[in-house]
Amino acid sequence: MKQKKAITSSERPEREIRLEKLQALRAQHLEPYPARVRRDLTLAAVEKDFLNLDGKKFFVVGRVRSLRRHGKIIFLHIEDGTGKMQLVLQFNVLGQHVYRTLENFLDIGDFLEVYGNPYVTKKNEHSLLVHSLRIIAKALRPIPDTWYGLKDDEERYRRRYLDILVNPDVAEIIVKRSKFWKSIRDFMFAEGFMEVETPVLENTTGGADAVPFATHHNSLNIDVYLRISAGELWQKRLMVAGFEKTFEIGRIFRNEGMSAEHLQDYTQLEFYWAYADYGKGMEFVERLYKHVARETFGTLQFHIRDFDVDLGKAWPRYDFRETLIEHTGVDVLKTSLSAVLQKLQARNIQCEDSLTLPRALDQLWKSVRKSIAGPGFVIHHPVFLSPLAKRTEHNPELVERFQSIIAGTEIGNGYTELNNPIDQAERFQEQAALRAQGDLEAQMPDYDFVEALEYGMPPTCGFGVSERLFAFLMNRSVRECVLFPLLRPKVKKVL
């Protein structure tokens, strides 16, 4: 009978080995997850004032990122949120018992509280000579290797915390994303806008052409929708109420397809500005984008996809109708659904059977738009594509709408808001007819909003831009630029 081969420590699961170390620490009355720690200085502060701290002892904290043993010396590198530093653990400083305990139980990934003083090694590296050390959070799983541990995109997104930890480029995205939204808020406050919060759950949802998520409100026993805009109709109610400059930065939800440019839930800015029109809005948005680019990236020049984009140059206007005629021969005010479908087929664009004329034209426009490098603004869309925008004075079939275009994609949408309640009610009826034809992206009528307009809303400019702008300036997919993208669960939930 064959004997079973003994399992060596190198063949045992790493987590099992670390669990044994955890139990051994507790057996020595060393709590591996204390509630309180002491920290006198960050690692960045130590490095900055290293020479002046000579001879002083102080507490720092950090996570072990590398560990090597050399005789009776252990060298560790730890990191905190500000920087990194080498620790030197010497047998003759710590004593046999403490040194052997640390030697046996320390692992890469552990969080430490360290008491020590500045120390310069023979290689002239700024370090801390450790006088006492305590594990304050024992890591039970090893950190993946920086280069080989997390390469599959789905695994990276599923364990995003590790992706951020081992990939500095990903961590930089998160930091820049925070700067991006802060720069927008700072700009809006500096321009005299007031930040507001509007409902996320709505009886009817509007402000965009999109399919909403639906859910049920148990207490009220009604079905409700998650909003598809950052409070467009609510902020316009605030214009009725007498406020002149409002903005909201919040999450919106659209139950649509996923792509490099689209997610189902994401962050968006929307602002509303009384007594302004789309002309003032375009000037304002151009200044906003330039401010955000400088504050977040320190430049106005970007390489996005196959385009070199300079936000600092002049922003031309592209007439929606004229541009479409130039590139396709289609006149949006004189065409038919069958004619547009033929153009789409000629461009190898897949279409659903239920496609309406507005949706077909939108698809055709998106294919034309891909050739526009930008930055610039597309203006004067047809009224049937813009149910909330005011008609132009020169042609009532067109509206005072503008979309910012960068690298062939729409990166922001605004217009002179429709404030005529009779016109708004009629357009809602037209949208209801489109929904009855199967167009789920057509907007839901909101007659409570129409009633609000009947009390009077001043001429107003509104605009919205999402985190797609950030992703494009980073030249990354939108999915890569959010903290925790939604994924299918690995194990089906049991309810």
Protein backbone atom coordinates (compact mmCIF):
# COMPACT_ATOMS: atom_id res chain seq x y z
CA MET A 1 0.00 0.00 0.00
CA LYS A 2 1.38 3.36 -1.04
CA GLN A 3 2.00 5.94 1.63
CA LYS A 4 0.38 9.34 1.18
CA LYS A 5 2.85 12.01 0.24
CA ALA A 6 3.35 14.56 2.99
CA ILE A 7 2.05 18.04 2.14
CA THR A 8 4.79 20.61 2.46
CA SER A 9 4.18 24.17 3.57
CA SER A 10 4.86 25.39 0.03
CA GLU A 11 2.02 23.19 -1.28
CA ARG A 12 -0.54 24.18 1.32
CA PRO A 13 -3.04 26.94 0.50
CA GLU A 14 -1.67 30.30 1.55
CA ARG A 15 -4.88 31.22 3.34
CA GLU A 16 -4.68 28.07 5.47
CA ILE A 17 -1.13 28.93 6.54
CA ARG A 18 -2.11 32.49 7.41
CA LEU A 19 -5.11 31.31 9.41
CA GLU A 20 -2.75 29.23 11.53
CA LYS A 21 -0.59 32.31 12.09
CA LEU A 22 -3.71 34.19 13.14
CA GLN A 23 -4.54 31.56 15.74
CA ALA A 24 -0.93 31.52 16.96
CA LEU A 25 -1.00 35.28 17.47
CA ARG A 26 -4.14 35.01 19.55
CA ALA A 27 -2.62 32.15 21.52
CA GLN A 28 0.10 34.63 22.53
CA HIS A 29 -2.61 37.18 23.50
CA LEU A 30 -1.76 39.38 20.52
CA GLU A 31 -4.97 40.78 19.02
CA PRO A 32 -4.54 40.83 15.20
CA TYR A 33 -7.47 43.24 14.68
CA PRO A 34 -7.30 45.93 17.39
CA ALA A 35 -9.89 48.72 17.38
CA ARG A 36 -7.46 51.55 18.09
CA VAL A 37 -4.04 52.44 16.74
CA ARG A 38 -1.56 55.25 17.24
CA ARG A 39 -0.24 57.36 14.38
CA ASP A 40 1.93 60.43 14.87
CA LEU A 41 3.03 61.03 11.29
CA THR A 42 2.20 59.94 7.75
CA LEU A 43 4.99 58.32 5.73
CA ALA A 44 5.05 61.31 3.41
CA ALA A 45 5.53 63.62 6.41
CA VAL A 46 8.41 61.46 7.67
CA GLU A 47 10.14 61.54 4.30
CA LYS A 48 9.64 65.28 3.93
CA ASP A 49 11.08 66.08 7.37
CA PHE A 50 13.44 63.11 7.63
CA LEU A 51 16.62 64.98 8.65
CA ASN A 52 14.84 67.10 11.27
CA LEU A 53 13.32 63.99 12.82
CA ASP A 54 16.74 62.42 13.45
CA GLY A 55 16.93 61.01 16.97
CA LYS A 56 13.18 61.22 17.53
CA LYS A 57 10.84 58.26 17.89
CA PHE A 58 7.26 58.27 16.63
CA PHE A 59 4.42 56.05 15.46
CA VAL A 60 3.53 55.38 11.82
CA VAL A 61 1.16 52.91 10.19
CA GLY A 62 1.05 51.13 6.85
CA ARG A 63 0.60 47.95 4.85
CA VAL A 64 3.49 45.57 4.16
CA ARG A 65 4.22 45.52 0.41
CA SER A 66 7.56 43.67 0.45
CA LEU A 67 9.47 41.57 2.98
CA ARG A 68 12.96 40.06 2.90
CA ARG A 69 15.13 38.47 5.57
CA HIS A 70 18.88 38.89 5.81
CA GLY A 71 20.42 37.07 8.76
CA LYS A 72 19.19 38.76 11.92
CA ILE A 73 17.68 41.69 10.03
CA ILE A 74 14.27 41.90 8.35
CA PHE A 75 13.63 44.58 5.75
CA LEU A 76 10.04 45.62 5.09
CA HIS A 77 8.52 48.20 2.81
CA ILE A 78 5.24 49.61 4.01
CA GLU A 79 2.78 51.97 2.33
CA ASP A 80 0.10 54.27 3.64
CA GLY A 81 -2.17 56.58 1.66
CA THR A 82 0.59 59.17 1.31
CA GLY A 83 3.77 57.26 0.45
CA LYS A 84 6.06 54.36 1.29
CA MET A 85 9.11 53.71 3.47
CA GLN A 86 11.50 50.95 4.40
CA LEU A 87 11.47 49.47 7.91
CA VAL A 88 14.50 47.82 9.46
CA LEU A 89 13.87 45.16 12.11
CA GLN A 90 17.04 44.21 13.97
CA PHE A 91 17.38 41.22 16.29
CA ASN A 92 19.56 43.13 18.77
CA VAL A 93 17.08 46.02 18.99
CA LEU A 94 13.82 44.07 19.31
CA GLY A 95 15.12 41.12 21.34
CA GLN A 96 14.83 37.45 20.57
CA HIS A 97 11.18 36.88 21.52
CA VAL A 98 9.71 39.85 19.62
CA TYR A 99 11.98 39.34 16.62
CA ARG A 100 11.16 35.63 16.30
CA THR A 101 7.43 36.34 16.69
CA LEU A 102 7.50 38.90 13.89
CA GLU A 103 9.75 36.72 11.75
CA ASN A 104 7.29 33.84 12.00
CA PHE A 105 3.99 35.71 11.71
CA LEU A 106 4.53 38.70 9.39
CA ASP A 107 3.18 38.49 5.83
CA ILE A 108 2.94 40.79 2.85
CA GLY A 109 -0.41 42.55 3.05
CA ASP A 110 -0.47 42.89 6.85
CA PHE A 111 -1.21 46.32 8.28
CA LEU A 112 1.24 47.46 10.98
CA GLU A 113 1.60 50.03 13.71
CA VAL A 114 5.31 50.88 13.98
CA TYR A 115 7.28 52.79 16.61
CA GLY A 116 10.75 53.79 15.46
CA ASN A 117 13.23 56.49 14.53
CA PRO A 118 14.86 57.69 11.28
CA TYR A 119 17.63 55.43 10.09
CA VAL A 120 19.84 55.50 6.98
CA THR A 121 20.98 52.14 5.62
CA LYS A 122 24.36 51.32 4.09
CA LYS A 123 22.74 51.86 0.69
CA ASN A 124 21.79 55.37 1.87
CA GLU A 125 18.06 54.58 1.89
CA HIS A 126 15.83 56.57 4.24
CA SER A 127 14.31 54.03 6.62
CA LEU A 128 12.84 53.61 10.08
CA LEU A 129 14.64 51.55 12.70
CA VAL A 130 11.86 49.67 14.46
CA HIS A 131 11.68 49.60 18.26
CA SER A 132 8.25 48.05 18.51
CA LEU A 133 5.77 46.74 15.98
CA ARG A 134 2.18 45.55 16.17
CA ILE A 135 0.01 43.83 13.58
CA ILE A 136 -3.23 45.82 13.40
CA ALA A 137 -4.94 43.91 10.56
CA LYS A 138 -3.76 40.42 9.61
CA ALA A 139 -4.14 39.70 5.86
CA LEU A 140 -5.45 36.18 5.22
CA ARG A 141 -5.05 36.25 1.45
CA PRO A 142 -1.92 37.17 -0.52
CA ILE A 143 -1.90 40.30 -2.67
CA PRO A 144 -1.75 39.35 -6.37
CA ASP A 145 1.44 39.99 -8.26
CA THR A 146 1.50 43.46 -9.82
CA TRP A 147 2.20 42.21 -13.34
CA TYR A 148 0.74 38.72 -13.51
CA GLY A 149 -1.87 38.47 -10.77
CA LEU A 150 -4.86 40.37 -12.24
CA LYS A 151 -4.98 40.45 -16.02
CA ASP A 152 -8.49 39.26 -16.87
CA ASP A 153 -10.75 42.33 -17.11
CA GLU A 154 -13.73 40.71 -15.43
CA GLU A 155 -11.59 39.57 -12.49
CA ARG A 156 -10.13 43.07 -12.24
CA TYR A 157 -13.60 44.60 -12.04
CA ARG A 158 -14.93 41.92 -9.72
CA ARG A 159 -12.07 42.47 -7.25
CA ARG A 160 -11.66 46.14 -7.98
CA TYR A 161 -10.08 46.83 -4.58
CA LEU A 162 -7.13 44.62 -5.59
CA ASP A 163 -7.03 46.15 -9.06
CA ILE A 164 -6.61 49.58 -7.49
CA LEU A 165 -4.09 48.28 -4.96
CA VAL A 166 -1.71 46.63 -7.44
CA ASN A 167 -2.19 48.86 -10.49
CA PRO A 168 -1.08 52.47 -9.95
CA ASP A 169 -2.71 53.53 -13.23
CA VAL A 170 -6.11 52.46 -11.93
CA ALA A 171 -5.56 54.26 -8.63
CA GLU A 172 -4.67 57.38 -10.60
CA ILE A 173 -7.99 57.17 -12.46
CA ILE A 174 -9.87 57.16 -9.15
CA VAL A 175 -7.93 60.16 -7.84
CA LYS A 176 -8.42 62.13 -11.07
CA ARG A 177 -12.11 61.27 -11.12
CA SER A 178 -12.46 62.90 -7.69
CA LYS A 179 -10.60 65.98 -8.94
CA PHE A 180 -12.85 66.06 -12.00
CA TRP A 181 -16.08 66.32 -10.03
CA LYS A 182 -14.56 68.71 -7.49
CA SER A 183 -13.47 71.04 -10.30
CA ILE A 184 -17.01 71.04 -11.69
CA ARG A 185 -18.52 71.84 -8.29
CA ASP A 186 -15.97 74.59 -7.68
CA PHE A 187 -16.75 76.13 -11.08
CA MET A 188 -20.51 76.04 -10.54
CA PHE A 189 -20.24 77.60 -7.08
CA ALA A 190 -17.88 80.29 -8.40
CA GLU A 191 -20.47 81.12 -11.08
CA GLY A 192 -23.19 81.63 -8.46
CA PHE A 193 -25.10 78.35 -8.87
CA MET A 194 -26.83 76.63 -5.96
CA GLU A 195 -26.50 72.85 -5.58
CA VAL A 196 -29.80 70.98 -5.14
CA GLU A 197 -30.97 67.40 -4.71
CA THR A 198 -34.03 66.14 -6.56
CA PRO A 199 -35.92 62.81 -6.39
CA VAL A 200 -34.38 59.61 -7.67
CA LEU A 201 -37.67 57.69 -7.52
CA GLU A 202 -40.37 59.14 -9.76
CA ASN A 203 -43.96 58.38 -10.79
CA THR A 204 -43.03 59.34 -14.35
CA THR A 205 -39.49 59.83 -15.50
CA GLY A 206 -38.29 62.26 -18.14
CA GLY A 207 -35.58 64.63 -19.25
CA ALA A 208 -33.95 62.23 -21.71
CA ASP A 209 -34.68 59.66 -24.40
CA ALA A 210 -33.95 56.47 -22.50
CA VAL A 211 -35.50 53.29 -21.10
CA PRO A 212 -35.91 53.55 -17.30
CA PHE A 213 -35.55 50.98 -14.55
CA ALA A 214 -38.80 50.22 -12.72
CA THR A 215 -39.27 49.15 -9.12
CA HIS A 216 -42.03 48.94 -6.51
CA HIS A 217 -42.62 51.18 -3.50
CA ASN A 218 -44.00 48.89 -0.81
CA SER A 219 -45.35 51.53 1.59
CA LEU A 220 -47.24 53.44 -1.11
CA ASN A 221 -47.98 50.25 -3.07
CA ILE A 222 -47.10 51.88 -6.38
CA ASP A 223 -44.65 51.18 -9.17
CA VAL A 224 -42.02 53.88 -9.59
CA TYR A 225 -39.09 54.59 -11.90
CA LEU A 226 -35.45 55.38 -11.24
CA ARG A 227 -34.69 58.72 -12.82
CA ILE A 228 -33.04 58.98 -16.24
CA SER A 229 -31.83 62.57 -15.80
CA ALA A 230 -30.37 64.55 -12.91
CA GLY A 231 -33.66 66.22 -12.07
CA GLU A 232 -34.39 68.11 -15.29
CA LEU A 233 -38.11 68.58 -14.74
CA TRP A 234 -37.60 69.13 -10.99
CA GLN A 235 -34.94 71.78 -11.51
CA LYS A 236 -37.19 73.56 -13.99
CA ARG A 237 -39.87 73.57 -11.32
CA LEU A 238 -37.31 75.42 -9.19
CA MET A 239 -37.06 78.03 -11.96
CA VAL A 240 -40.85 78.40 -11.63
CA ALA A 241 -40.35 78.77 -7.86
CA GLY A 242 -38.02 81.75 -8.38
CA PHE A 243 -34.51 80.30 -8.23
CA GLU A 244 -32.26 81.45 -11.06
CA LYS A 245 -29.19 79.18 -11.01
CA THR A 246 -29.32 75.56 -9.84
CA PHE A 247 -27.26 72.43 -10.46
CA GLU A 248 -27.21 68.83 -9.37
CA ILE A 249 -24.50 66.17 -9.52
CA GLY A 250 -26.02 62.76 -8.95
CA ARG A 251 -26.60 59.21 -10.11
CA ILE A 252 -28.95 58.47 -12.97
CA PHE A 253 -30.14 55.12 -14.30
CA ARG A 254 -30.85 53.96 -17.84
CA ASN A 255 -31.85 50.38 -18.64
CA GLU A 256 -29.96 50.22 -21.92
CA GLY A 257 -27.09 48.39 -23.57
CA MET A 258 -23.52 48.42 -22.28
CA SER A 259 -20.61 49.69 -24.35
CA ALA A 260 -17.32 51.55 -24.04
CA GLU A 261 -19.42 54.76 -23.86
CA HIS A 262 -22.48 53.62 -21.91
CA LEU A 263 -23.29 52.30 -18.44
CA GLN A 264 -26.67 51.73 -16.79
CA ASP A 265 -25.95 53.82 -13.71
CA TYR A 266 -23.57 56.74 -13.67
CA THR A 267 -22.97 60.26 -12.40
CA GLN A 268 -24.18 63.33 -14.24
CA LEU A 269 -24.16 67.11 -13.85
CA GLU A 270 -27.22 69.11 -14.86
CA PHE A 271 -27.61 72.85 -14.47
CA TYR A 272 -30.42 75.31 -15.15
CA TRP A 273 -29.89 79.01 -15.66
CA ALA A 274 -32.79 81.47 -15.78
CA TYR A 275 -32.71 84.35 -18.29
CA ALA A 276 -30.05 82.58 -20.40
CA ASP A 277 -30.42 80.94 -23.81
CA TYR A 278 -28.51 78.27 -25.70
CA GLY A 279 -26.01 80.84 -26.99
CA LYS A 280 -24.99 81.79 -23.46
CA GLY A 281 -25.11 78.11 -22.57
CA MET A 282 -22.54 77.19 -25.21
CA GLU A 283 -20.17 79.94 -24.05
CA PHE A 284 -20.59 78.75 -20.46
CA VAL A 285 -20.04 75.06 -21.30
CA GLU A 286 -16.89 75.86 -23.27
CA ARG A 287 -15.46 77.70 -20.25
CA LEU A 288 -16.57 74.86 -17.95
CA TYR A 289 -14.84 72.16 -20.02
CA LYS A 290 -11.63 74.15 -20.25
CA HIS A 291 -11.62 74.76 -16.48
CA VAL A 292 -12.21 71.08 -15.72
CA ALA A 293 -9.48 69.97 -18.14
CA ARG A 294 -6.91 72.34 -16.64
CA GLU A 295 -7.77 71.51 -13.03
CA THR A 296 -7.94 67.73 -13.53
CA PHE A 297 -5.30 67.09 -16.20
CA GLY A 298 -3.24 70.29 -16.39
CA THR A 299 -3.67 70.57 -20.16
CA LEU A 300 -6.17 71.36 -22.91
CA GLN A 301 -4.59 68.99 -25.45
CA PHE A 302 -5.70 65.36 -25.56
CA HIS A 303 -5.33 62.29 -27.77
CA ILE A 304 -8.70 60.55 -27.74
CA ARG A 305 -9.19 57.43 -29.85
CA ASP A 306 -7.85 58.42 -33.27
CA PHE A 307 -8.30 62.16 -32.72
CA ASP A 308 -6.01 64.89 -31.46
CA VAL A 309 -8.33 67.22 -29.56
CA ASP A 310 -7.42 70.75 -28.48
CA LEU A 311 -10.04 72.24 -26.15
CA GLY A 312 -8.24 75.57 -26.36
CA LYS A 313 -9.00 76.21 -30.02
CA ALA A 314 -12.22 77.73 -31.41
CA TRP A 315 -15.36 75.59 -30.95
CA PRO A 316 -17.25 75.63 -34.28
CA ARG A 317 -21.02 75.14 -34.62
CA TYR A 318 -22.33 72.28 -36.78
CA ASP A 319 -25.93 72.60 -37.99
CA PHE A 320 -27.64 69.23 -37.44
CA ARG A 321 -29.81 69.39 -40.55
CA GLU A 322 -27.13 70.75 -42.88
CA THR A 323 -24.49 68.30 -41.67
CA LEU A 324 -26.80 65.33 -42.21
CA ILE A 325 -27.66 66.53 -45.74
CA GLU A 326 -23.96 66.99 -46.52
CA HIS A 327 -22.97 63.48 -45.41
CA THR A 328 -26.06 61.41 -46.29
CA GLY A 329 -28.35 63.46 -48.50
CA VAL A 330 -31.14 63.08 -45.91
CA ASP A 331 -33.16 66.18 -45.00
CA VAL A 332 -34.58 65.53 -41.55
CA LEU A 333 -37.59 67.74 -42.25
CA LYS A 334 -38.54 66.06 -45.55
CA THR A 335 -37.54 62.42 -45.20
CA SER A 336 -39.43 59.22 -44.39
CA LEU A 337 -38.72 56.20 -42.20
CA SER A 338 -38.15 53.94 -45.22
CA ALA A 339 -35.61 56.38 -46.72
CA VAL A 340 -33.68 56.60 -43.47
CA LEU A 341 -33.73 52.81 -43.05
CA GLN A 342 -32.19 52.45 -46.50
CA LYS A 343 -29.37 54.81 -45.51
CA LEU A 344 -28.80 52.83 -42.32
CA GLN A 345 -28.63 49.55 -44.21
CA ALA A 346 -26.16 51.08 -46.68
CA ARG A 347 -23.95 51.91 -43.69
CA ASN A 348 -24.33 48.36 -42.29
CA ILE A 349 -26.11 49.62 -39.18
CA GLN A 350 -28.36 47.02 -37.53
CA CYS A 351 -31.90 48.24 -36.84
CA GLU A 352 -34.77 46.92 -34.73
CA ASP A 353 -38.10 46.25 -36.44
CA SER A 354 -39.87 48.67 -34.08
CA LEU A 355 -37.62 51.61 -35.01
CA THR A 356 -39.51 54.91 -35.36
CA LEU A 357 -38.45 57.81 -37.58
CA PRO A 358 -36.97 59.86 -34.69
CA ARG A 359 -34.96 56.87 -33.47
CA ALA A 360 -33.82 55.97 -37.00
CA LEU A 361 -32.61 59.53 -37.62
CA ASP A 362 -30.81 59.46 -34.30
CA GLN A 363 -28.99 56.28 -35.38
CA LEU A 364 -28.07 57.84 -38.72
CA TRP A 365 -26.79 60.98 -37.05
CA LYS A 366 -24.61 59.01 -34.67
CA SER A 367 -22.89 57.33 -37.61
CA VAL A 368 -22.19 60.74 -39.20
CA ARG A 369 -21.04 62.26 -35.94
CA LYS A 370 -18.15 59.79 -35.66
CA SER A 371 -16.12 61.82 -38.18
CA ILE A 372 -16.27 65.09 -36.19
CA ALA A 373 -13.11 65.52 -34.13
CA GLY A 374 -14.31 68.51 -32.13
CA PRO A 375 -14.43 70.25 -29.87
CA GLY A 376 -17.58 71.89 -31.17
CA PHE A 377 -21.35 72.10 -30.84
CA VAL A 378 -24.07 70.50 -32.94
CA ILE A 379 -27.07 72.83 -33.02
CA HIS A 380 -30.63 73.13 -34.30
CA HIS A 381 -32.00 69.61 -34.01
CA PRO A 382 -35.51 68.80 -35.30
CA VAL A 383 -38.29 69.40 -32.81
CA PHE A 384 -39.41 65.74 -32.84
CA LEU A 385 -36.00 64.74 -31.41
CA SER A 386 -36.16 67.40 -28.70
CA PRO A 387 -39.51 67.42 -26.84
CA LEU A 388 -38.28 69.74 -24.06
CA ALA A 389 -36.46 72.39 -26.13
CA LYS A 390 -37.71 75.76 -27.41
CA ARG A 391 -38.31 76.20 -31.15
CA THR A 392 -35.95 78.43 -33.11
CA GLU A 393 -37.23 81.79 -34.30
CA HIS A 394 -36.14 81.19 -37.92
CA ASN A 395 -37.75 77.74 -38.26
CA PRO A 396 -40.40 76.35 -35.87
CA GLU A 397 -39.54 72.78 -36.95
CA LEU A 398 -36.07 73.14 -35.37
CA VAL A 399 -35.10 73.85 -31.76
CA GLU A 400 -32.46 75.82 -29.87
CA ARG A 401 -30.53 72.73 -28.83
CA PHE A 402 -26.79 72.14 -28.61
CA GLN A 403 -24.66 69.07 -28.07
CA SER A 404 -20.95 69.24 -27.30
CA ILE A 405 -18.95 66.98 -29.61
CA ILE A 406 -15.51 65.58 -28.77
CA ALA A 407 -13.75 62.78 -30.70
CA GLY A 408 -16.83 61.85 -32.67
CA THR A 409 -19.13 61.49 -29.67
CA GLU A 410 -21.76 63.60 -27.97
CA ILE A 411 -20.33 64.70 -24.62
CA GLY A 412 -23.09 66.88 -23.21
CA ASN A 413 -26.55 68.09 -24.20
CA GLY A 414 -28.41 71.33 -23.61
CA TYR A 415 -30.99 73.72 -24.94
CA THR A 416 -33.05 76.80 -24.43
CA GLU A 417 -35.77 75.21 -22.34
CA LEU A 418 -39.34 75.06 -23.60
CA ASN A 419 -41.41 77.23 -21.25
CA ASN A 420 -44.64 77.37 -23.27
CA PRO A 421 -47.05 75.06 -21.39
CA ILE A 422 -49.40 74.60 -24.37
CA ASP A 423 -46.56 73.60 -26.71
CA GLN A 424 -45.14 71.33 -24.00
CA ALA A 425 -48.47 69.54 -23.50
CA GLU A 426 -48.78 68.94 -27.25
CA ARG A 427 -45.26 67.52 -27.45
CA PHE A 428 -45.96 65.20 -24.54
CA GLN A 429 -48.96 63.89 -26.46
CA GLU A 430 -46.72 63.25 -29.47
CA GLN A 431 -44.26 61.40 -27.24
CA ALA A 432 -47.10 59.31 -25.82
CA ALA A 433 -48.08 58.33 -29.36
CA LEU A 434 -44.50 57.22 -30.07
CA ARG A 435 -44.48 55.10 -26.90
CA ALA A 436 -47.73 53.51 -28.05
CA GLN A 437 -45.92 52.55 -31.29
CA GLY A 438 -43.30 50.71 -29.24
CA ASP A 439 -40.67 53.45 -28.84
CA LEU A 440 -39.64 52.81 -25.22
CA GLU A 441 -37.15 55.70 -25.34
CA ALA A 442 -39.86 58.27 -26.07
CA GLN A 443 -40.49 60.46 -23.05
CA MET A 444 -43.31 59.88 -20.58
CA PRO A 445 -45.84 62.71 -20.36
CA ASP A 446 -45.63 64.67 -17.11
CA TYR A 447 -48.73 66.85 -16.92
CA ASP A 448 -47.91 67.91 -13.38
CA PHE A 449 -44.86 69.60 -14.90
CA VAL A 450 -47.08 71.23 -17.54
CA GLU A 451 -49.23 72.62 -14.72
CA ALA A 452 -46.10 74.06 -13.10
CA LEU A 453 -45.22 75.78 -16.41
CA GLU A 454 -48.65 77.40 -16.43
CA TYR A 455 -47.57 79.45 -13.41
CA GLY A 456 -44.75 80.85 -15.53
CA MET A 457 -41.12 79.82 -16.03
CA PRO A 458 -38.60 82.42 -17.23
CA PRO A 459 -36.51 81.83 -20.36
CA THR A 460 -33.95 79.26 -19.20
CA CYS A 461 -30.93 77.38 -20.48
CA GLY A 462 -30.32 73.83 -19.26
CA PHE A 463 -27.43 71.47 -19.82
CA GLY A 464 -26.26 68.02 -18.76
CA VAL A 465 -22.94 66.20 -18.99
CA SER A 466 -21.99 62.83 -17.53
CA GLU A 467 -18.79 61.13 -16.48
CA ARG A 468 -18.39 60.16 -20.13
CA LEU A 469 -16.50 63.46 -20.45
CA PHE A 470 -13.99 62.26 -17.86
CA ALA A 471 -13.60 58.87 -19.55
CA PHE A 472 -12.97 60.49 -22.93
CA LEU A 473 -10.37 62.90 -21.57
CA MET A 474 -8.69 59.88 -19.94
CA ASN A 475 -8.98 58.05 -23.29
CA ARG A 476 -10.48 55.07 -21.46
CA SER A 477 -13.80 53.24 -21.56
CA VAL A 478 -16.46 54.53 -19.18
CA ARG A 479 -16.43 51.14 -17.44
CA GLU A 480 -12.73 51.53 -16.68
CA CYS A 481 -13.35 54.91 -15.06
CA VAL A 482 -15.94 53.94 -12.43
CA LEU A 483 -14.96 52.51 -9.08
CA PHE A 484 -17.05 49.34 -8.98
CA PRO A 485 -18.71 48.36 -12.30
CA LEU A 486 -21.80 46.17 -12.06
CA LEU A 487 -21.20 42.49 -12.94
CA ARG A 488 -23.27 39.34 -12.98
CA PRO A 489 -22.85 37.49 -9.67
CA LYS A 490 -20.67 34.40 -9.77
CA VAL A 491 -23.20 32.47 -7.68
CA LYS A 492 -26.91 32.81 -8.30
CA LYS A 493 -28.67 34.39 -5.35
CA VAL A 494 -31.14 32.29 -3.38
CA LEU A 495 -34.06 34.44 -2.27
